[in-house]
Amino acid sequence: LSIRLRYERTGCAGEPEFVEREWRRHWWSQSQFSDMLRRAGFERIRIVRPDGGAATPDATVFVVLAQRPEP
């Protein structure tokens, strides 16, 4: 699925600025998304439901909480 997004903002002098770009929706399973986070250096990865409770392993709607280690 591809969607065209248009961002608008007002610059410091009050002039309007516009940017348009294509946005592609991507779908990942819980394990795919967790693996990407681990490879990017994140740890303490938790997967929860949108209401904050623990997500079941087969949930297709979920929120991922992750933390980067301190340098």
PDB file of N, CA and C in Angstrom:
ATOM      1  N   LEU A   1       0.844  -1.175   0.000  1.00  0.00           N
ATOM      2  CA  LEU A   1       0.000   0.000   0.000  1.00  0.00           C
ATOM      3  C   LEU A   1       0.889   1.237   0.000  1.00  0.00           C
ATOM      4  N   SER A   2       0.634   2.153  -0.902  1.00  0.00           N
ATOM      5  CA  SER A   2       1.408   3.385  -0.989  1.00  0.00           C
ATOM      6  C   SER A   2       0.468   4.574  -0.824  1.00  0.00           C
ATOM      7  N   ILE A   3       0.867   5.509  -0.005  1.00  0.00           N
ATOM      8  CA  ILE A   3       0.064   6.698   0.281  1.00  0.00           C
ATOM      9  C   ILE A   3       0.948   7.916   0.053  1.00  0.00           C
ATOM     10  N   ARG A   4       0.384   8.979  -0.465  1.00  0.00           N
ATOM     11  CA  ARG A   4       1.132  10.224  -0.655  1.00  0.00           C
ATOM     12  C   ARG A   4       0.823  11.141   0.519  1.00  0.00           C
ATOM     13  N   LEU A   5       1.872  11.552   1.235  1.00  0.00           N
ATOM     14  CA  LEU A   5       1.728  12.440   2.382  1.00  0.00           C
ATOM     15  C   LEU A   5       2.160  13.846   2.017  1.00  0.00           C
ATOM     16  N   ARG A   6       1.493  14.812   2.594  1.00  0.00           N
ATOM     17  CA  ARG A   6       1.854  16.209   2.389  1.00  0.00           C
ATOM     18  C   ARG A   6       2.023  16.846   3.761  1.00  0.00           C
ATOM     19  N   TYR A   7       3.219  17.356   3.999  1.00  0.00           N
ATOM     20  CA  TYR A   7       3.518  18.045   5.245  1.00  0.00           C
ATOM     21  C   TYR A   7       3.495  19.540   4.984  1.00  0.00           C
ATOM     22  N   GLU A   8       2.888  20.277   5.872  1.00  0.00           N
ATOM     23  CA  GLU A   8       2.846  21.732   5.744  1.00  0.00           C
ATOM     24  C   GLU A   8       3.292  22.344   7.064  1.00  0.00           C
ATOM     25  N   ARG A   9       4.066  23.399   6.965  1.00  0.00           N
ATOM     26  CA  ARG A   9       4.447  24.138   8.170  1.00  0.00           C
ATOM     27  C   ARG A   9       4.628  25.605   7.818  1.00  0.00           C
ATOM     28  N   THR A  10       4.633  26.428   8.829  1.00  0.00           N
ATOM     29  CA  THR A  10       4.841  27.855   8.644  1.00  0.00           C
ATOM     30  C   THR A  10       6.255  28.179   9.082  1.00  0.00           C
ATOM     31  N   GLY A  11       7.018  28.769   8.183  1.00  0.00           N
ATOM     32  CA  GLY A  11       8.393  29.136   8.478  1.00  0.00           C
ATOM     33  C   GLY A  11       8.470  30.295   9.454  1.00  0.00           C
ATOM     34  N   CYS A  12       9.669  30.646   9.874  1.00  0.00           N
ATOM     35  CA  CYS A  12       9.887  31.722  10.854  1.00  0.00           C
ATOM     36  C   CYS A  12       9.313  33.058  10.395  1.00  0.00           C
ATOM     37  N   ALA A  13       9.396  33.328   9.104  1.00  0.00           N
ATOM     38  CA  ALA A  13       8.891  34.601   8.578  1.00  0.00           C
ATOM     39  C   ALA A  13       7.406  34.527   8.226  1.00  0.00           C
ATOM     40  N   GLY A  14       6.753  33.389   8.530  1.00  0.00           N
ATOM     41  CA  GLY A  14       5.335  33.252   8.252  1.00  0.00           C
ATOM     42  C   GLY A  14       5.006  32.677   6.888  1.00  0.00           C
ATOM     43  N   GLU A  15       6.041  32.327   6.116  1.00  0.00           N
ATOM     44  CA  GLU A  15       5.804  31.779   4.781  1.00  0.00           C
ATOM     45  C   GLU A  15       5.469  30.287   4.890  1.00  0.00           C
ATOM     46  N   PRO A  16       4.535  29.809   4.085  1.00  0.00           N
ATOM     47  CA  PRO A  16       4.195  28.387   4.133  1.00  0.00           C
ATOM     48  C   PRO A  16       5.260  27.547   3.429  1.00  0.00           C
ATOM     49  N   GLU A  17       5.521  26.368   3.980  1.00  0.00           N
ATOM     50  CA  GLU A  17       6.451  25.422   3.373  1.00  0.00           C
ATOM     51  C   GLU A  17       5.717  24.097   3.211  1.00  0.00           C
ATOM     52  N   PHE A  18       5.922  23.430   2.082  1.00  0.00           N
ATOM     53  CA  PHE A  18       5.239  22.174   1.792  1.00  0.00           C
ATOM     54  C   PHE A  18       6.250  21.125   1.360  1.00  0.00           C
ATOM     55  N   VAL A  19       6.051  19.903   1.808  1.00  0.00           N
ATOM     56  CA  VAL A  19       6.858  18.761   1.378  1.00  0.00           C
ATOM     57  C   VAL A  19       5.896  17.612   1.118  1.00  0.00           C
ATOM     58  N   GLU A  20       6.066  16.949  -0.015  1.00  0.00           N
ATOM     59  CA  GLU A  20       5.264  15.772  -0.319  1.00  0.00           C
ATOM     60  C   GLU A  20       6.189  14.585  -0.497  1.00  0.00           C
ATOM     61  N   ARG A  21       5.735  13.398  -0.029  1.00  0.00           N
ATOM     62  CA  ARG A  21       6.524  12.186  -0.218  1.00  0.00           C
ATOM     63  C   ARG A  21       5.616  10.970  -0.217  1.00  0.00           C
ATOM     64  N   GLU A  22       6.120   9.905  -0.831  1.00  0.00           N
ATOM     65  CA  GLU A  22       5.415   8.629  -0.820  1.00  0.00           C
ATOM     66  C   GLU A  22       5.675   7.950   0.519  1.00  0.00           C
ATOM     67  N   TRP A  23       4.670   7.318   1.059  1.00  0.00           N
ATOM     68  CA  TRP A  23       4.805   6.562   2.289  1.00  0.00           C
ATOM     69  C   TRP A  23       4.306   5.158   2.026  1.00  0.00           C
ATOM     70  N   ARG A  24       5.155   4.192   2.259  1.00  0.00           N
ATOM     71  CA  ARG A  24       4.773   2.796   2.048  1.00  0.00           C
ATOM     72  C   ARG A  24       4.563   2.127   3.396  1.00  0.00           C
ATOM     73  N   ARG A  25       3.469   1.450   3.517  1.00  0.00           N
ATOM     74  CA  ARG A  25       3.159   0.745   4.760  1.00  0.00           C
ATOM     75  C   ARG A  25       3.866  -0.605   4.732  1.00  0.00           C
ATOM     76  N   HIS A  26       4.520  -0.937   5.837  1.00  0.00           N
ATOM     77  CA  HIS A  26       5.218  -2.210   5.975  1.00  0.00           C
ATOM     78  C   HIS A  26       4.593  -2.987   7.120  1.00  0.00           C
ATOM     79  N   TRP A  27       4.557  -4.295   6.980  1.00  0.00           N
ATOM     80  CA  TRP A  27       4.002  -5.164   8.015  1.00  0.00           C
ATOM     81  C   TRP A  27       5.091  -6.114   8.483  1.00  0.00           C
ATOM     82  N   TRP A  28       5.328  -6.185   9.784  1.00  0.00           N
ATOM     83  CA  TRP A  28       6.294  -7.106  10.346  1.00  0.00           C
ATOM     84  C   TRP A  28       5.634  -7.910  11.458  1.00  0.00           C
ATOM     85  N   SER A  29       6.061  -9.144  11.610  1.00  0.00           N
ATOM     86  CA  SER A  29       5.606  -9.950  12.736  1.00  0.00           C
ATOM     87  C   SER A  29       6.339  -9.461  13.983  1.00  0.00           C
ATOM     88  N   GLN A  30       5.900  -9.930  15.125  1.00  0.00           N
ATOM     89  CA  GLN A  30       6.569  -9.551  16.373  1.00  0.00           C
ATOM     90  C   GLN A  30       8.036  -9.975  16.354  1.00  0.00           C
ATOM     91  N   SER A  31       8.310 -11.187  15.897  1.00  0.00           N
ATOM     92  CA  SER A  31       9.697 -11.662  15.893  1.00  0.00           C
ATOM     93  C   SER A  31      10.552 -10.895  14.887  1.00  0.00           C
ATOM     94  N   GLN A  32      10.007 -10.573  13.720  1.00  0.00           N
ATOM     95  CA  GLN A  32      10.765  -9.798  12.732  1.00  0.00           C
ATOM     96  C   GLN A  32      11.128  -8.423  13.296  1.00  0.00           C
ATOM     97  N   PHE A  33      10.157  -7.771  13.939  1.00  0.00           N
ATOM     98  CA  PHE A  33      10.416  -6.427  14.464  1.00  0.00           C
ATOM     99  C   PHE A  33      11.410  -6.484  15.617  1.00  0.00           C
ATOM    100  N   SER A  34      11.275  -7.481  16.497  1.00  0.00           N
ATOM    101  CA  SER A  34      12.217  -7.638  17.607  1.00  0.00           C
ATOM    102  C   SER A  34      13.625  -7.889  17.086  1.00  0.00           C
ATOM    103  N   ASP A  35      13.758  -8.731  16.054  1.00  0.00           N
ATOM    104  CA  ASP A  35      15.073  -9.000  15.463  1.00  0.00           C
ATOM    105  C   ASP A  35      15.702  -7.731  14.899  1.00  0.00           C
ATOM    106  N   MET A  36      14.905  -6.900  14.225  1.00  0.00           N
ATOM    107  CA  MET A  36      15.436  -5.637  13.684  1.00  0.00           C
ATOM    108  C   MET A  36      15.940  -4.747  14.817  1.00  0.00           C
ATOM    109  N   LEU A  37      15.189  -4.684  15.921  1.00  0.00           N
ATOM    110  CA  LEU A  37      15.611  -3.863  17.051  1.00  0.00           C
ATOM    111  C   LEU A  37      16.908  -4.383  17.661  1.00  0.00           C
ATOM    112  N   ARG A  38      17.021  -5.696  17.834  1.00  0.00           N
ATOM    113  CA  ARG A  38      18.253  -6.276  18.386  1.00  0.00           C
ATOM    114  C   ARG A  38      19.452  -5.956  17.496  1.00  0.00           C
ATOM    115  N   ARG A  39      19.269  -6.112  16.181  1.00  0.00           N
ATOM    116  CA  ARG A  39      20.374  -5.813  15.253  1.00  0.00           C
ATOM    117  C   ARG A  39      20.758  -4.330  15.301  1.00  0.00           C
ATOM    118  N   ALA A  40      19.805  -3.466  15.642  1.00  0.00           N
ATOM    119  CA  ALA A  40      20.084  -2.027  15.729  1.00  0.00           C
ATOM    120  C   ALA A  40      20.640  -1.631  17.098  1.00  0.00           C
ATOM    121  N   GLY A  41      20.828  -2.617  17.997  1.00  0.00           N
ATOM    122  CA  GLY A  41      21.446  -2.325  19.285  1.00  0.00           C
ATOM    123  C   GLY A  41      20.487  -2.120  20.437  1.00  0.00           C
ATOM    124  N   PHE A  42      19.217  -2.373  20.234  1.00  0.00           N
ATOM    125  CA  PHE A  42      18.249  -2.215  21.318  1.00  0.00           C
ATOM    126  C   PHE A  42      18.221  -3.459  22.183  1.00  0.00           C
ATOM    127  N   GLU A  43      17.797  -3.287  23.420  1.00  0.00           N
ATOM    128  CA  GLU A  43      17.640  -4.406  24.342  1.00  0.00           C
ATOM    129  C   GLU A  43      16.391  -4.155  25.191  1.00  0.00           C
ATOM    130  N   ARG A  44      16.145  -5.055  26.128  1.00  0.00           N
ATOM    131  CA  ARG A  44      14.947  -4.953  26.979  1.00  0.00           C
ATOM    132  C   ARG A  44      13.700  -4.738  26.120  1.00  0.00           C
ATOM    133  N   ILE A  45      13.536  -5.572  25.129  1.00  0.00           N
ATOM    134  CA  ILE A  45      12.423  -5.459  24.175  1.00  0.00           C
ATOM    135  C   ILE A  45      11.192  -6.117  24.783  1.00  0.00           C
ATOM    136  N   ARG A  46      10.114  -5.377  24.826  1.00  0.00           N
ATOM    137  CA  ARG A  46       8.834  -5.884  25.341  1.00  0.00           C
ATOM    138  C   ARG A  46       7.764  -5.643  24.311  1.00  0.00           C
ATOM    139  N   ILE A  47       6.884  -6.600  24.143  1.00  0.00           N
ATOM    140  CA  ILE A  47       5.779  -6.470  23.200  1.00  0.00           C
ATOM    141  C   ILE A  47       4.485  -6.488  23.997  1.00  0.00           C
ATOM    142  N   VAL A  48       3.687  -5.438  23.833  1.00  0.00           N
ATOM    143  CA  VAL A  48       2.456  -5.288  24.603  1.00  0.00           C
ATOM    144  C   VAL A  48       1.282  -4.972  23.675  1.00  0.00           C
ATOM    145  N   ARG A  49       0.097  -5.133  24.214  1.00  0.00           N
ATOM    146  CA  ARG A  49      -1.118  -4.719  23.499  1.00  0.00           C
ATOM    147  C   ARG A  49      -1.191  -3.194  23.534  1.00  0.00           C
ATOM    148  N   PRO A  50      -2.009  -2.585  22.691  1.00  0.00           N
ATOM    149  CA  PRO A  50      -2.154  -1.130  22.723  1.00  0.00           C
ATOM    150  C   PRO A  50      -2.626  -0.594  24.079  1.00  0.00           C
ATOM    151  N   ASP A  51      -3.322  -1.440  24.874  1.00  0.00           N
ATOM    152  CA  ASP A  51      -3.770  -0.976  26.194  1.00  0.00           C
ATOM    153  C   ASP A  51      -2.711  -1.183  27.275  1.00  0.00           C
ATOM    154  N   GLY A  52      -1.542  -1.740  26.900  1.00  0.00           N
ATOM    155  CA  GLY A  52      -0.439  -1.898  27.842  1.00  0.00           C
ATOM    156  C   GLY A  52      -0.267  -3.288  28.409  1.00  0.00           C
ATOM    157  N   GLY A  53      -1.251  -4.172  28.243  1.00  0.00           N
ATOM    158  CA  GLY A  53      -1.132  -5.542  28.729  1.00  0.00           C
ATOM    159  C   GLY A  53      -0.213  -6.352  27.828  1.00  0.00           C
ATOM    160  N   ALA A  54       0.191  -7.518  28.314  1.00  0.00           N
ATOM    161  CA  ALA A  54       1.081  -8.384  27.534  1.00  0.00           C
ATOM    162  C   ALA A  54       0.383  -8.867  26.273  1.00  0.00           C
ATOM    163  N   ALA A  55       1.056  -8.770  25.142  1.00  0.00           N
ATOM    164  CA  ALA A  55       0.502  -9.237  23.867  1.00  0.00           C
ATOM    165  C   ALA A  55       0.717 -10.741  23.743  1.00  0.00           C
ATOM    166  N   THR A  56      -0.235 -11.417  23.151  1.00  0.00           N
ATOM    167  CA  THR A  56      -0.047 -12.840  22.870  1.00  0.00           C
ATOM    168  C   THR A  56       0.927 -12.967  21.698  1.00  0.00           C
ATOM    169  N   PRO A  57       1.646 -14.093  21.599  1.00  0.00           N
ATOM    170  CA  PRO A  57       2.631 -14.249  20.523  1.00  0.00           C
ATOM    171  C   PRO A  57       2.048 -14.135  19.116  1.00  0.00           C
ATOM    172  N   ASP A  58       0.753 -14.420  18.951  1.00  0.00           N
ATOM    173  CA  ASP A  58       0.159 -14.357  17.617  1.00  0.00           C
ATOM    174  C   ASP A  58      -0.603 -13.056  17.361  1.00  0.00           C
ATOM    175  N   ALA A  59      -0.515 -12.094  18.287  1.00  0.00           N
ATOM    176  CA  ALA A  59      -1.220 -10.818  18.114  1.00  0.00           C
ATOM    177  C   ALA A  59      -0.675 -10.082  16.895  1.00  0.00           C
ATOM    178  N   THR A  60      -1.567  -9.544  16.076  1.00  0.00           N
ATOM    179  CA  THR A  60      -1.138  -8.786  14.894  1.00  0.00           C
ATOM    180  C   THR A  60      -1.134  -7.282  15.143  1.00  0.00           C
ATOM    181  N   VAL A  61      -1.766  -6.852  16.225  1.00  0.00           N
ATOM    182  CA  VAL A  61      -1.736  -5.444  16.630  1.00  0.00           C
ATOM    183  C   VAL A  61      -0.986  -5.410  17.954  1.00  0.00           C
ATOM    184  N   PHE A  62       0.141  -4.695  17.968  1.00  0.00           N
ATOM    185  CA  PHE A  62       0.974  -4.674  19.162  1.00  0.00           C
ATOM    186  C   PHE A  62       1.823  -3.414  19.189  1.00  0.00           C
ATOM    187  N   VAL A  63       2.365  -3.135  20.364  1.00  0.00           N
ATOM    188  CA  VAL A  63       3.266  -2.004  20.583  1.00  0.00           C
ATOM    189  C   VAL A  63       4.576  -2.595  21.079  1.00  0.00           C
ATOM    190  N   VAL A  64       5.690  -2.104  20.550  1.00  0.00           N
ATOM    191  CA  VAL A  64       6.990  -2.613  20.974  1.00  0.00           C
ATOM    192  C   VAL A  64       7.697  -1.530  21.787  1.00  0.00           C
ATOM    193  N   LEU A  65       8.126  -1.914  22.982  1.00  0.00           N
ATOM    194  CA  LEU A  65       8.902  -1.026  23.837  1.00  0.00           C
ATOM    195  C   LEU A  65      10.327  -1.571  23.889  1.00  0.00           C
ATOM    196  N   ALA A  66      11.308  -0.713  23.668  1.00  0.00           N
ATOM    197  CA  ALA A  66      12.702  -1.162  23.659  1.00  0.00           C
ATOM    198  C   ALA A  66      13.578  -0.047  24.187  1.00  0.00           C
ATOM    199  N   GLN A  67      14.747  -0.438  24.651  1.00  0.00           N
ATOM    200  CA  GLN A  67      15.661   0.540  25.234  1.00  0.00           C
ATOM    201  C   GLN A  67      17.052   0.330  24.655  1.00  0.00           C
ATOM    202  N   ARG A  68      17.734   1.427  24.386  1.00  0.00           N
ATOM    203  CA  ARG A  68      19.132   1.351  23.953  1.00  0.00           C
ATOM    204  C   ARG A  68      19.998   1.402  25.200  1.00  0.00           C
ATOM    205  N   PRO A  69      21.065   0.625  25.219  1.00  0.00           N
ATOM    206  CA  PRO A  69      21.971   0.695  26.384  1.00  0.00           C
ATOM    207  C   PRO A  69      22.649   2.062  26.425  1.00  0.00           C
ATOM    208  N   GLU A  70      22.966   2.489  27.624  1.00  0.00           N
ATOM    209  CA  GLU A  70      23.675   3.768  27.752  1.00  0.00           C
ATOM    210  C   GLU A  70      25.103   3.599  27.254  1.00  0.00           C
ATOM    211  N   PRO A  71      25.653   4.647  26.634  1.00  0.00           N
ATOM    212  CA  PRO A  71      27.022   4.551  26.080  1.00  0.00           C
ATOM    213  C   PRO A  71      28.066   4.366  27.173  1.00  0.00           C
TER     214      PRO A  71
END
